[in-house]
Amino acid sequence: MNSIINSTYFRRAGTLLAGCALTVAAFCGGQNPAIAGSQHNKIANKIMLLQQSSQRWIEIDLSRQRLIAWEGNQPVYAVIISSGKSSTPTRTGTFAVQTKHRVARMTGDDYDVPDVPYTMYYDGGMAIHGAYWHNLFGNPVSHGCTNVAVNHAKWLFDWASVGTPVVVHKS
C-alpha cells in the first residue's frame, strides 16, 4: 500500500514541478511570444489585405526559399531564391520597393560585388536582385538580400515599381 501512495505522490509532485517549469519557461524564456505573435499577425494581416486588392505585391517566403509575385490574390510569377544565411539573415516584415537600379555595386565588410543587375531596395540595404556569381538558389547564402537568377530579376524589375509592397516571412 505504501508503494502505491508514494508513487501517486511522486507522480503528482512531478506533474506540479513540470507545470511550474513550463510556466517559468513561458514567462522568462528568451523570446517574448507576444512580440513574435504581434509581428506574425502584422504580416498575416498585410497579406490578407493585399490579397483582397488588385494591387501588385511581392511575397518572400524564407522557409521555402521562394519569391512569388502577386496581383491581388493571383500569383503571376514564382521563383526560387537565396536569402540571407544564418549569420546575416534576411529580416522579416512588411516593406515596399524604395528604389530601383538597373545596375548597382554592393559592398560590405567581406564582399565587393560590381554590376549587380536589376536591384530593387526594399529595406534599407536589403534588396531583391540578380545574382550572376552563384547558382545556389534554394539555399540561404546571401548577406541578407534576396538573390534571384538574373533573368528572373529582370522580369521582377520590369513588373514592379517603386512602392510595390514586399512581404517577407517564414512559413
Protein backbone atom coordinates (compact mmCIF):
# COMPACT_ATOMS: atom_id res chain seq x y z
CA MET A 1 0.00 0.00 0.00
CA ASN A 2 2.81 2.45 0.86
CA SER A 3 4.38 1.96 -2.60
CA ILE A 4 1.09 2.95 -4.29
CA ILE A 5 0.75 6.04 -2.11
CA ASN A 6 4.37 7.01 -2.67
CA SER A 7 4.17 6.50 -6.47
CA THR A 8 0.96 8.60 -6.64
CA TYR A 9 2.62 11.26 -4.51
CA PHE A 10 5.70 11.34 -6.75
CA ARG A 11 3.62 11.45 -9.95
CA ARG A 12 1.62 14.40 -8.62
CA ALA A 13 4.76 16.16 -7.40
CA GLY A 14 6.41 15.56 -10.80
CA THR A 15 3.36 16.95 -12.59
CA LEU A 16 3.39 20.02 -10.34
CA LEU A 17 7.12 20.59 -10.92
CA ALA A 18 6.74 20.15 -14.68
CA GLY A 19 3.89 22.67 -14.67
CA CYS A 20 6.00 25.14 -12.71
CA ALA A 21 8.92 24.68 -15.07
CA LEU A 22 6.70 25.28 -18.11
CA THR A 23 5.24 28.40 -16.50
CA VAL A 24 8.69 29.80 -15.72
CA ALA A 25 9.88 28.99 -19.27
CA ALA A 26 6.84 30.67 -20.79
CA PHE A 27 7.25 33.89 -18.81
CA CYS A 28 11.03 34.07 -18.57
CA GLY A 29 12.10 32.46 -21.85
CA GLY A 30 14.47 34.10 -24.32
CA GLN A 31 11.73 35.19 -26.72
CA ASN A 32 8.67 37.23 -25.98
CA PRO A 33 5.75 35.34 -27.57
CA ALA A 34 3.57 38.46 -27.52
CA ILE A 35 6.08 40.35 -29.66
CA ALA A 36 6.67 37.41 -32.00
CA GLY A 37 2.91 36.94 -32.31
CA SER A 38 2.42 40.64 -32.99
CA GLN A 39 4.93 40.58 -35.89
CA HIS A 40 3.33 37.43 -37.28
CA ASN A 41 -0.14 38.99 -37.05
CA LYS A 42 1.03 42.17 -38.78
CA ILE A 43 2.46 40.14 -41.66
CA ALA A 44 -0.65 37.93 -41.89
CA ASN A 45 -2.94 40.98 -41.89
CA LYS A 46 -0.87 42.65 -44.62
CA ILE A 47 -1.06 39.52 -46.80
CA MET A 48 -4.83 39.33 -46.27
CA LEU A 49 -5.30 43.00 -47.24
CA LEU A 50 -3.12 42.66 -50.33
CA GLN A 51 -4.97 39.52 -51.44
CA GLN A 52 -8.28 41.40 -51.17
CA SER A 53 -6.98 44.10 -53.51
CA SER A 54 -5.88 44.03 -57.13
CA GLN A 55 -2.51 45.53 -56.18
CA ARG A 56 0.81 44.08 -57.32
CA TRP A 57 2.92 42.80 -54.43
CA ILE A 58 5.86 40.51 -53.73
CA GLU A 59 5.94 37.69 -51.17
CA ILE A 60 9.27 36.28 -49.98
CA ASP A 61 8.91 33.00 -48.07
CA LEU A 62 12.20 32.39 -46.29
CA SER A 63 11.26 28.88 -45.11
CA ARG A 64 10.57 27.69 -48.63
CA GLN A 65 13.20 29.93 -50.31
CA ARG A 66 10.56 31.18 -52.75
CA LEU A 67 9.52 34.55 -54.10
CA ILE A 68 6.02 34.96 -55.56
CA ALA A 69 4.82 37.99 -57.48
CA TRP A 70 1.11 38.55 -56.93
CA GLU A 71 -1.64 40.66 -58.43
CA GLY A 72 -4.20 40.69 -55.65
CA ASN A 73 -4.85 37.04 -54.86
CA GLN A 74 -3.47 35.74 -58.18
CA PRO A 75 0.14 34.53 -58.28
CA VAL A 76 1.69 35.65 -61.58
CA TYR A 77 5.35 34.63 -61.20
CA ALA A 78 7.27 32.38 -58.80
CA VAL A 79 10.99 31.76 -58.45
CA ILE A 80 13.49 30.03 -56.18
CA ILE A 81 15.66 32.45 -54.20
CA SER A 82 18.71 32.57 -51.99
CA SER A 83 18.06 34.64 -48.89
CA GLY A 84 20.42 35.58 -46.06
CA LYS A 85 22.46 32.95 -44.31
CA SER A 86 22.05 32.48 -40.54
CA SER A 87 24.89 34.89 -39.72
CA THR A 88 23.39 37.60 -41.98
CA PRO A 89 19.65 36.83 -42.07
CA THR A 90 17.01 38.42 -44.26
CA ARG A 91 14.68 40.39 -41.98
CA THR A 92 11.01 39.50 -41.86
CA GLY A 93 8.32 42.18 -42.07
CA THR A 94 6.29 44.31 -44.43
CA PHE A 95 8.18 46.69 -46.69
CA ALA A 96 7.90 48.42 -50.08
CA VAL A 97 10.27 48.81 -53.01
CA GLN A 98 12.13 52.03 -52.19
CA THR A 99 14.47 52.41 -55.18
CA LYS A 100 15.27 50.56 -58.39
CA HIS A 101 18.65 50.39 -60.13
CA ARG A 102 19.41 48.55 -63.37
CA VAL A 103 22.94 48.06 -62.06
CA ALA A 104 24.34 48.60 -58.56
CA ARG A 105 27.59 47.99 -56.71
CA MET A 106 27.20 46.16 -53.40
CA THR A 107 29.90 46.27 -50.75
CA GLY A 108 30.30 45.07 -47.20
CA ASP A 109 32.98 44.01 -44.75
CA ASP A 110 33.77 40.83 -46.67
CA TYR A 111 32.37 41.42 -50.17
CA ASP A 112 32.51 43.86 -53.06
CA VAL A 113 30.29 42.92 -55.99
CA PRO A 114 30.19 45.21 -59.02
CA ASP A 115 27.43 45.35 -61.61
CA VAL A 116 24.65 43.73 -59.56
CA PRO A 117 21.75 43.60 -62.05
CA TYR A 118 18.12 44.61 -61.55
CA THR A 119 18.37 45.76 -57.94
CA MET A 120 15.26 46.77 -56.01
CA TYR A 121 15.96 48.02 -52.48
CA TYR A 122 13.05 47.40 -50.10
CA ASP A 123 14.51 47.60 -46.56
CA GLY A 124 17.49 49.91 -46.16
CA GLY A 125 20.38 47.94 -47.65
CA MET A 126 18.27 44.84 -48.34
CA ALA A 127 17.26 44.26 -51.94
CA ILE A 128 15.87 41.82 -54.43
CA HIS A 129 18.46 41.48 -57.20
CA GLY A 130 20.00 39.25 -59.79
CA ALA A 131 22.96 37.11 -58.76
CA TYR A 132 25.38 36.12 -61.54
CA TRP A 133 28.11 34.93 -59.14
CA HIS A 134 26.39 31.79 -57.83
CA ASN A 135 23.88 29.13 -58.76
CA LEU A 136 22.90 28.04 -55.25
CA PHE A 137 19.26 29.11 -55.44
CA GLY A 138 17.11 27.37 -52.86
CA ASN A 139 19.82 27.83 -50.20
CA PRO A 140 20.36 30.81 -47.88
CA VAL A 141 23.78 32.15 -48.94
CA SER A 142 23.43 35.95 -49.14
CA HIS A 143 24.33 38.76 -46.75
CA GLY A 144 20.61 39.46 -46.22
CA CYS A 145 19.45 40.33 -49.72
CA THR A 146 17.11 38.20 -51.79
CA ASN A 147 19.12 36.73 -54.68
CA VAL A 148 17.36 35.50 -57.81
CA ALA A 149 18.66 34.35 -61.19
CA VAL A 150 19.38 37.30 -63.48
CA ASN A 151 16.58 36.52 -65.95
CA HIS A 152 14.06 36.37 -63.09
CA ALA A 153 15.43 39.58 -61.58
CA LYS A 154 14.83 41.31 -64.93
CA TRP A 155 11.23 40.13 -65.08
CA LEU A 156 10.57 41.30 -61.50
CA PHE A 157 12.35 44.63 -62.13
CA ASP A 158 10.18 45.30 -65.20
CA TRP A 159 6.98 44.21 -63.41
CA ALA A 160 7.38 46.02 -60.06
CA SER A 161 7.51 49.74 -59.42
CA VAL A 162 8.73 51.91 -56.58
CA GLY A 163 6.14 51.47 -53.84
CA THR A 164 5.31 47.85 -54.64
CA PRO A 165 4.71 46.08 -51.29
CA VAL A 166 7.20 43.37 -50.25
CA VAL A 167 6.18 40.92 -47.53
CA VAL A 168 8.96 38.78 -46.06
CA HIS A 169 8.02 35.91 -43.75
CA LYS A 170 8.77 32.39 -42.60
CA SER A 171 6.05 29.85 -43.26
